[in-house]
């Protein structure tokens, strides 16, 4: 993103902004059938698993000085990195569209008395704000980001007070197992696995930045999930914009929705640009990021959104086994395939982990799919590395 080394504080602010998200609040509402205590337990358990993997991925990027998809080369080779970069671009375009669409709906609801619920208008406004965020140079970005994060912190405290000051919980509708709720909690930090190294590669203190950034993200993300869970249990609804509107948070609600959408979706769009640069070296990262922002905005305006839960599960099924292979290769086997075109063995191991995840999603597992998939893929990677050396 720039030539300067990024401070630990700057990285922490970026990942605080990533966690303050309407999408994370909404995901928390899905866990309402478990009740507050079990729902919070599922959120914490999932973030411990996902956050630890996120930390290891950040550490790989920080120690190697490589961006997320460049660090994938260490395990999968040049063509393997392009394969995962293409998958990453697709999921990030999808995330960009989902985030812009969700932010536009919320803004339309809050500002309806003044401007009306014009989805195209609000998608365009958010898309332009994200593009500007991408184009800011690092010096200006840090200054603006500190102001935005300060405002978000104060306003989310206010929002938390509004949600949790409510009285008795209402009966939760629907059915959800603890394992499924934990998977929804794991999925959010896992969705950042293919991105976080893009921001750790320039860290001034890689180990410290990786630890602080993932801790800040995980704690803030849990907070957002708890707000969503509280919204669903204490109000009987799942529309956070309506809660803000009913509480009189007109202008403040606009700031929360707009900046939380921008600071989160900026990471999606910019990292998609970085991944695109891995595939096509001649294209500049910022230009690709702005192009992804434009495509995501158009998709948010004209396309029908797919199942949000299915997107989260798909992301986990792709990137959890990828991370297991990379972590085992980098920290245990000490392998480096960056100079190779492809590592067929590691790609097969990833495919086995992907297939196992999809199987466990249908067959069911008392501990969810992510934990057994990571354990099995890591064990197979270690075993293959010891018994079947690649030429």
Protein backbone atom coordinates (compact mmCIF):
# COMPACT_ATOMS: atom_id res chain seq x y z
CA UNK A 1 0.00 0.00 0.00
CA UNK A 2 2.99 2.30 0.58
CA UNK A 3 6.73 2.33 1.02
CA UNK A 4 6.71 3.36 4.69
CA UNK A 5 6.70 0.86 7.51
CA UNK A 6 3.34 0.78 9.27
CA UNK A 7 3.20 1.16 13.04
CA UNK A 8 1.51 -1.33 15.33
CA UNK A 9 -1.05 1.33 16.27
CA UNK A 10 -1.88 2.00 12.63
CA UNK A 11 -2.41 -1.72 11.98
CA UNK A 12 -4.54 -2.06 15.12
CA UNK A 13 -6.77 0.81 13.95
CA UNK A 14 -7.21 -0.81 10.55
CA UNK A 15 -8.38 -4.06 12.13
CA UNK A 16 -10.61 -2.30 14.63
CA UNK A 17 -12.32 -0.71 11.63
CA UNK A 18 -12.57 -4.10 9.94
CA UNK A 19 -14.39 -5.55 12.94
CA UNK A 20 -16.87 -2.70 13.39
CA UNK A 21 -19.25 -3.94 10.74
CA UNK A 22 -22.97 -4.24 10.17
CA UNK A 23 -22.25 -7.70 8.71
CA UNK A 24 -20.72 -8.89 11.99
CA UNK A 25 -23.64 -7.47 13.98
CA UNK A 26 -26.09 -9.20 11.65
CA UNK A 27 -24.24 -12.52 12.00
CA UNK A 28 -24.65 -12.21 15.77
CA UNK A 29 -28.43 -11.97 15.33
CA UNK A 30 -28.44 -15.41 13.69
CA UNK A 31 -27.34 -17.01 16.99
CA UNK A 32 -30.40 -15.87 18.95
CA UNK A 33 -31.94 -19.39 19.16
CA UNK A 34 -29.09 -20.34 21.53
CA UNK A 35 -29.91 -17.61 24.05
CA UNK A 36 -27.45 -15.07 25.43
CA UNK A 37 -25.11 -17.30 27.49
CA UNK A 38 -24.67 -20.12 24.96
CA UNK A 39 -24.64 -17.68 22.06
CA UNK A 40 -21.82 -15.67 23.63
CA UNK A 41 -19.98 -18.92 24.35
CA UNK A 42 -20.20 -19.92 20.68
CA UNK A 43 -18.94 -16.48 19.61
CA UNK A 44 -15.92 -16.62 21.91
CA UNK A 45 -15.06 -20.24 21.04
CA UNK A 46 -15.26 -19.53 17.31
CA UNK A 47 -13.13 -16.41 17.56
CA UNK A 48 -10.46 -18.23 19.57
CA UNK A 49 -10.09 -20.73 16.71
CA UNK A 50 -10.42 -18.26 13.85
CA UNK A 51 -8.39 -15.56 15.58
CA UNK A 52 -5.48 -17.93 16.22
CA UNK A 53 -5.36 -18.91 12.53
CA UNK A 54 -5.63 -15.25 11.59
CA UNK A 55 -2.64 -14.49 13.85
CA UNK A 56 -0.51 -17.23 12.26
CA UNK A 57 -1.40 -16.02 8.76
CA UNK A 58 -0.47 -12.46 9.79
CA UNK A 59 2.81 -13.70 11.24
CA UNK A 60 3.71 -15.47 7.99
CA UNK A 61 3.17 -12.24 6.06
CA UNK A 62 5.05 -10.14 8.60
CA UNK A 63 8.07 -12.44 8.89
CA UNK A 64 8.34 -13.12 5.16
CA UNK A 65 7.59 -9.54 4.08
CA UNK A 66 5.07 -10.88 1.57
CA UNK A 67 1.46 -9.94 0.92
CA UNK A 68 -1.27 -12.50 1.51
CA UNK A 69 -1.29 -14.14 -1.91
CA UNK A 70 2.48 -13.76 -2.33
CA UNK A 71 2.90 -15.72 0.92
CA UNK A 72 0.69 -18.47 -0.54
CA UNK A 73 3.54 -19.11 -3.01
CA UNK A 74 5.63 -20.41 -0.11
CA UNK A 75 3.39 -23.50 0.04
CA UNK A 76 1.67 -23.74 -3.33
CA UNK A 77 4.11 -22.23 -5.85
CA UNK A 78 3.54 -19.56 -8.51
CA UNK A 79 0.52 -21.14 -10.23
CA UNK A 80 -0.97 -22.29 -6.92
CA UNK A 81 -0.82 -18.71 -5.65
CA UNK A 82 -2.61 -17.53 -8.79
CA UNK A 83 -5.32 -20.14 -8.23
CA UNK A 84 -5.97 -18.94 -4.68
CA UNK A 85 -5.63 -15.30 -5.73
CA UNK A 86 -8.44 -15.85 -8.25
CA UNK A 87 -10.61 -17.46 -5.56
CA UNK A 88 -9.77 -14.60 -3.24
CA UNK A 89 -10.72 -11.97 -5.82
CA UNK A 90 -14.08 -13.69 -6.35
CA UNK A 91 -14.89 -13.87 -2.64
CA UNK A 92 -13.77 -10.27 -2.09
CA UNK A 93 -15.88 -8.96 -4.96
CA UNK A 94 -18.77 -10.84 -3.35
CA UNK A 95 -17.97 -9.37 0.08
CA UNK A 96 -17.67 -5.88 -1.42
CA UNK A 97 -21.11 -6.21 -2.99
CA UNK A 98 -22.67 -7.66 0.19
CA UNK A 99 -21.21 -4.92 2.39
CA UNK A 100 -22.19 -2.08 0.04
CA UNK A 101 -25.72 -3.47 -0.37
CA UNK A 102 -26.18 -3.90 3.38
CA UNK A 103 -24.83 -0.42 4.13
CA UNK A 104 -27.07 1.13 1.45
CA UNK A 105 -30.20 -0.52 2.86
CA UNK A 106 -29.37 0.72 6.37
CA UNK A 107 -28.59 4.24 5.18
CA UNK A 108 -31.81 4.30 3.18
CA UNK A 109 -33.83 3.33 6.23
CA UNK A 110 -32.20 5.90 8.52
CA UNK A 111 -32.35 8.76 5.97
CA UNK A 112 -35.75 7.86 4.51
CA UNK A 113 -37.53 10.99 5.86
CA UNK A 114 -34.97 13.23 4.15
CA UNK A 115 -33.77 11.47 0.98
CA UNK A 116 -35.93 8.37 0.63
CA UNK A 117 -34.81 4.74 0.35
CA UNK A 118 -32.91 5.12 -2.94
CA UNK A 119 -30.77 1.97 -3.08
CA UNK A 120 -28.85 3.04 -6.20
CA UNK A 121 -27.99 6.42 -4.65
CA UNK A 122 -26.67 4.98 -1.38
CA UNK A 123 -24.75 2.19 -3.10
CA UNK A 124 -23.08 4.85 -5.24
CA UNK A 125 -22.28 7.08 -2.26
CA UNK A 126 -20.71 4.21 -0.30
CA UNK A 127 -18.81 3.00 -3.38
CA UNK A 128 -17.31 6.47 -3.93
CA UNK A 129 -16.29 6.72 -0.26
CA UNK A 130 -14.53 3.34 -0.46
CA UNK A 131 -12.72 4.35 -3.66
CA UNK A 132 -11.48 7.55 -1.98
CA UNK A 133 -10.31 5.49 1.03
CA UNK A 134 -8.32 3.24 -1.33
CA UNK A 135 -6.70 6.19 -3.11
CA UNK A 136 -5.54 7.97 0.04
CA UNK A 137 -1.79 7.74 0.52
CA UNK A 138 -0.65 6.17 3.78
CA UNK A 139 0.14 9.41 5.61
CA UNK A 140 -3.30 10.84 4.97
CA UNK A 141 -4.96 7.47 5.51
CA UNK A 142 -3.62 7.15 9.04
CA UNK A 143 -4.80 10.63 9.99
CA UNK A 144 -8.31 10.13 8.64
CA UNK A 145 -8.48 6.58 10.00
CA UNK A 146 -7.69 7.73 13.57
CA UNK A 147 -10.57 10.23 13.45
CA UNK A 148 -12.96 7.68 11.94
CA UNK A 149 -12.01 4.97 14.45
CA UNK A 150 -12.44 7.36 17.37
CA UNK A 151 -15.93 8.26 16.18
CA UNK A 152 -16.84 4.62 15.62
CA UNK A 153 -15.59 3.63 19.07
CA UNK A 154 -17.73 6.23 20.82
CA UNK A 155 -20.80 5.52 18.72
CA UNK A 156 -20.61 1.76 19.16
CA UNK A 157 -20.43 2.30 22.93
CA UNK A 158 -23.64 4.31 22.64
CA UNK A 159 -25.18 1.61 20.46
CA UNK A 160 -24.20 -1.08 22.98
CA UNK A 161 -25.87 0.89 25.77
CA UNK A 162 -29.06 1.29 23.72
CA UNK A 163 -29.25 -2.43 22.94
CA UNK A 164 -28.37 -3.84 26.35
CA UNK A 165 -30.41 -1.42 28.45
CA UNK A 166 -33.52 -3.21 27.20
CA UNK A 167 -35.42 -5.36 29.62
CA UNK A 168 -36.44 -8.99 29.41
CA UNK A 169 -35.34 -11.13 26.51
CA UNK A 170 -37.93 -12.24 24.03
CA UNK A 171 -38.40 -15.81 22.92
CA UNK A 172 -35.93 -16.61 20.18
CA UNK A 173 -37.26 -18.15 17.00
CA UNK A 174 -35.57 -20.82 14.94
CA UNK A 175 -33.17 -23.64 15.70
CA UNK A 176 -29.38 -23.55 15.71
CA UNK A 177 -26.86 -25.93 17.23
CA UNK A 178 -23.88 -24.71 19.23
CA UNK A 179 -21.55 -26.19 16.59
CA UNK A 180 -23.27 -24.31 13.75
CA UNK A 181 -23.14 -21.06 15.72
CA UNK A 182 -19.46 -21.62 16.41
CA UNK A 183 -18.87 -22.12 12.67
CA UNK A 184 -20.53 -18.77 11.94
CA UNK A 185 -18.23 -17.22 14.51
CA UNK A 186 -15.10 -18.90 13.09
CA UNK A 187 -16.05 -17.90 9.55
CA UNK A 188 -15.65 -14.15 10.05
CA UNK A 189 -11.97 -14.12 11.12
CA UNK A 190 -11.30 -16.84 8.53
CA UNK A 191 -12.67 -14.51 5.85
CA UNK A 192 -9.74 -12.18 6.66
CA UNK A 193 -7.10 -14.92 6.36
CA UNK A 194 -6.42 -14.18 2.68
CA UNK A 195 -6.08 -10.45 3.47
CA UNK A 196 -4.24 -9.80 6.70
CA UNK A 197 -0.74 -10.37 5.34
CA UNK A 198 -1.36 -7.54 2.88
CA UNK A 199 -1.23 -5.19 5.88
CA UNK A 200 1.45 -7.04 7.88
CA UNK A 201 4.03 -7.12 5.07
CA UNK A 202 4.88 -3.46 5.80
CA UNK A 203 4.69 -3.72 9.59
CA UNK A 204 7.48 -2.03 11.53
CA UNK A 205 7.27 -4.72 14.23
CA UNK A 206 5.81 -7.83 12.53
CA UNK A 207 5.38 -10.06 15.59
CA UNK A 208 3.88 -7.33 17.74
CA UNK A 209 1.65 -6.03 14.93
CA UNK A 210 0.35 -9.51 14.17
CA UNK A 211 -0.51 -10.17 17.82
CA UNK A 212 -2.06 -6.76 18.52
CA UNK A 213 -4.01 -6.61 15.24
CA UNK A 214 -5.58 -10.04 15.64
CA UNK A 215 -6.35 -9.40 19.32
CA UNK A 216 -8.00 -6.05 18.52
CA UNK A 217 -9.94 -7.57 15.64
CA UNK A 218 -11.09 -10.63 17.63
CA UNK A 219 -12.20 -8.67 20.70
CA UNK A 220 -14.00 -6.03 18.64
CA UNK A 221 -15.60 -8.65 16.42
CA UNK A 222 -16.91 -10.50 19.49
CA UNK A 223 -18.33 -7.18 20.68
CA UNK A 224 -20.15 -6.71 17.36
CA UNK A 225 -21.55 -10.26 17.55
CA UNK A 226 -22.75 -9.59 21.11
CA UNK A 227 -24.55 -6.44 19.94
CA UNK A 228 -26.27 -8.45 17.21
CA UNK A 229 -27.19 -11.19 19.64
CA UNK A 230 -28.57 -8.59 22.03
CA UNK A 231 -30.57 -6.92 19.25
CA UNK A 232 -32.23 -10.22 18.34
CA UNK A 233 -32.92 -11.29 21.95
CA UNK A 234 -33.90 -7.96 23.51
CA UNK A 235 -35.90 -6.50 20.62
CA UNK A 236 -37.15 -9.56 18.77
CA UNK A 237 -35.75 -8.17 15.47
CA UNK A 238 -32.54 -8.26 13.49
CA UNK A 239 -32.48 -4.84 11.80
CA UNK A 240 -29.76 -2.79 13.48
CA UNK A 241 -30.61 0.29 11.41
CA UNK A 242 -34.18 0.22 12.73
CA UNK A 243 -32.85 0.00 16.30
CA UNK A 244 -30.68 3.08 15.72
CA UNK A 245 -33.59 4.90 14.12
CA UNK A 246 -35.99 4.08 16.97
CA UNK A 247 -33.38 5.25 19.48
CA UNK A 248 -33.07 8.63 17.78
CA UNK A 249 -29.55 8.02 16.45
CA UNK A 250 -30.20 9.83 13.18
CA UNK A 251 -26.90 11.52 12.30
CA UNK A 252 -24.92 9.24 14.62
CA UNK A 253 -26.51 6.21 12.96
CA UNK A 254 -25.46 7.51 9.56
CA UNK A 255 -21.85 7.82 10.78
CA UNK A 256 -21.88 4.30 12.25
CA UNK A 257 -23.30 2.71 9.10
CA UNK A 258 -21.27 4.74 6.58
CA UNK A 259 -17.86 4.55 8.24
CA UNK A 260 -18.20 0.96 9.44
CA UNK A 261 -19.12 -0.10 5.90
CA UNK A 262 -16.29 1.91 4.34
CA UNK A 263 -13.53 0.87 6.77
CA UNK A 264 -14.45 -2.80 6.42
CA UNK A 265 -15.12 -2.89 2.68
CA UNK A 266 -11.96 -0.89 1.94
CA UNK A 267 -9.93 -3.91 3.10
CA UNK A 268 -11.93 -6.21 0.81
CA UNK A 269 -11.58 -4.03 -2.28
CA UNK A 270 -7.93 -3.08 -1.78
CA UNK A 271 -6.83 -6.65 -1.03
CA UNK A 272 -8.72 -7.86 -4.08
CA UNK A 273 -6.55 -5.42 -6.02
CA UNK A 274 -3.41 -6.89 -4.46
CA UNK A 275 -4.57 -10.43 -5.34
CA UNK A 276 -5.36 -9.29 -8.87
CA UNK A 277 -1.80 -7.94 -9.11
CA UNK A 278 -0.52 -11.45 -8.24
CA UNK A 279 -2.34 -12.80 -11.31
CA UNK A 280 -1.59 -9.89 -13.67
CA UNK A 281 1.66 -8.18 -12.70
CA UNK A 282 1.16 -5.21 -15.01
CA UNK A 283 -1.93 -3.94 -13.20
CA UNK A 284 -1.37 -1.56 -10.29
CA UNK A 285 -2.84 -2.58 -6.94
CA UNK A 286 -4.76 0.65 -6.25
CA UNK A 287 -6.21 0.76 -9.76
CA UNK A 288 -7.37 -2.86 -9.43
CA UNK A 289 -8.82 -2.09 -5.99
CA UNK A 290 -10.86 0.80 -7.37
CA UNK A 291 -12.03 -1.41 -10.25
CA UNK A 292 -13.14 -4.09 -7.76
CA UNK A 293 -14.97 -1.39 -5.81
CA UNK A 294 -16.80 -0.34 -9.00
CA UNK A 295 -17.73 -3.96 -9.85
CA UNK A 296 -18.90 -4.55 -6.28
CA UNK A 297 -21.01 -1.39 -6.39
CA UNK A 298 -22.65 -2.39 -9.67
CA UNK A 299 -23.28 -5.89 -8.31
CA UNK A 300 -24.85 -4.43 -5.15
CA UNK A 301 -27.18 -2.29 -7.26
CA UNK A 302 -28.30 -4.80 -9.88
CA UNK A 303 -27.75 -8.33 -8.58
CA UNK A 304 -29.83 -10.33 -6.15
CA UNK A 305 -27.84 -11.27 -3.04
CA UNK A 306 -27.19 -14.96 -2.31
CA UNK A 307 -27.46 -16.61 1.07
CA UNK A 308 -25.22 -14.78 3.53
CA UNK A 309 -24.63 -17.87 5.67
CA UNK A 310 -23.68 -19.95 2.61
CA UNK A 311 -21.06 -17.34 1.66
CA UNK A 312 -19.49 -17.57 5.13
CA UNK A 313 -19.38 -21.37 5.05
CA UNK A 314 -17.92 -21.36 1.52
CA UNK A 315 -15.14 -18.99 2.59
CA UNK A 316 -14.26 -21.22 5.55
CA UNK A 317 -14.24 -24.36 3.41
CA UNK A 318 -11.74 -22.78 0.98
CA UNK A 319 -9.40 -20.93 3.30
CA UNK A 320 -9.31 -23.06 6.47
CA UNK A 321 -7.50 -26.00 4.77
CA UNK A 322 -5.33 -23.56 2.82
CA UNK A 323 -4.22 -21.96 6.09
CA UNK A 324 -3.58 -25.37 7.67
CA UNK A 325 -1.22 -26.32 4.83
CA UNK A 326 0.57 -22.97 4.94
CA UNK A 327 1.01 -22.89 8.73
CA UNK A 328 2.36 -26.46 8.80
CA UNK A 329 4.74 -25.76 5.91
CA UNK A 330 6.03 -22.45 7.26
CA UNK A 331 6.35 -23.12 10.99
CA UNK A 332 6.94 -26.89 11.18
CA UNK A 333 8.32 -28.24 7.90
CA UNK A 334 10.17 -24.99 7.02
CA UNK A 335 9.44 -25.52 3.31
CA UNK A 336 9.60 -22.86 0.62
CA UNK A 337 7.98 -23.52 -2.76
CA UNK A 338 8.04 -19.89 -3.92
CA UNK A 339 10.48 -20.66 -6.74
CA UNK A 340 8.35 -23.54 -8.06
CA UNK A 341 5.51 -23.30 -10.54
CA UNK A 342 3.24 -25.56 -8.48
CA UNK A 343 3.19 -27.90 -5.49
CA UNK A 344 0.78 -30.68 -6.61
CA UNK A 345 1.07 -32.44 -3.27
CA UNK A 346 -0.04 -29.42 -1.26
CA UNK A 347 -2.84 -28.66 -3.71
CA UNK A 348 -4.13 -32.24 -3.28
CA UNK A 349 -3.91 -31.86 0.51
CA UNK A 350 -5.90 -28.64 0.29
CA UNK A 351 -8.50 -30.39 -1.90
CA UNK A 352 -8.84 -33.17 0.68
CA UNK A 353 -9.40 -30.57 3.41
CA UNK A 354 -11.96 -28.73 1.28
CA UNK A 355 -13.86 -31.97 0.59
CA UNK A 356 -13.79 -32.92 4.28
CA UNK A 357 -15.20 -29.52 5.25
CA UNK A 358 -18.08 -29.81 2.77
CA UNK A 359 -18.80 -33.36 3.99
CA UNK A 360 -18.86 -32.31 7.66
CA UNK A 361 -21.22 -29.45 6.86
CA UNK A 362 -23.81 -31.96 5.68
CA UNK A 363 -23.01 -34.87 8.01
CA UNK A 364 -22.71 -32.72 11.12
CA UNK A 365 -20.01 -32.55 13.77
CA UNK A 366 -20.32 -31.79 17.50
CA UNK A 367 -17.34 -29.40 17.27
CA UNK A 368 -18.16 -27.89 13.88
CA UNK A 369 -16.23 -28.40 10.66
CA UNK A 370 -13.31 -25.97 10.94
CA UNK A 371 -11.46 -27.50 13.89
CA UNK A 372 -11.38 -31.11 12.60
CA UNK A 373 -10.54 -29.92 9.06
CA UNK A 374 -7.60 -27.85 10.30
CA UNK A 375 -6.33 -30.68 12.49
CA UNK A 376 -6.69 -33.32 9.76
CA UNK A 377 -5.19 -31.15 6.99
CA UNK A 378 -2.25 -30.08 9.16
CA UNK A 379 -1.55 -33.68 10.21
CA UNK A 380 -1.70 -34.90 6.60
CA UNK A 381 0.57 -32.06 5.48
CA UNK A 382 3.15 -32.92 8.13
CA UNK A 383 2.95 -36.64 7.32
CA UNK A 384 3.24 -36.04 3.57
CA UNK A 385 6.17 -33.69 4.13
CA UNK A 386 8.03 -36.38 6.05
CA UNK A 387 7.15 -39.40 3.88
CA UNK A 388 6.58 -38.07 0.35
CA UNK A 389 9.20 -35.44 -0.53
CA UNK A 390 8.44 -33.50 -3.69
CA UNK A 391 11.01 -33.34 -6.45
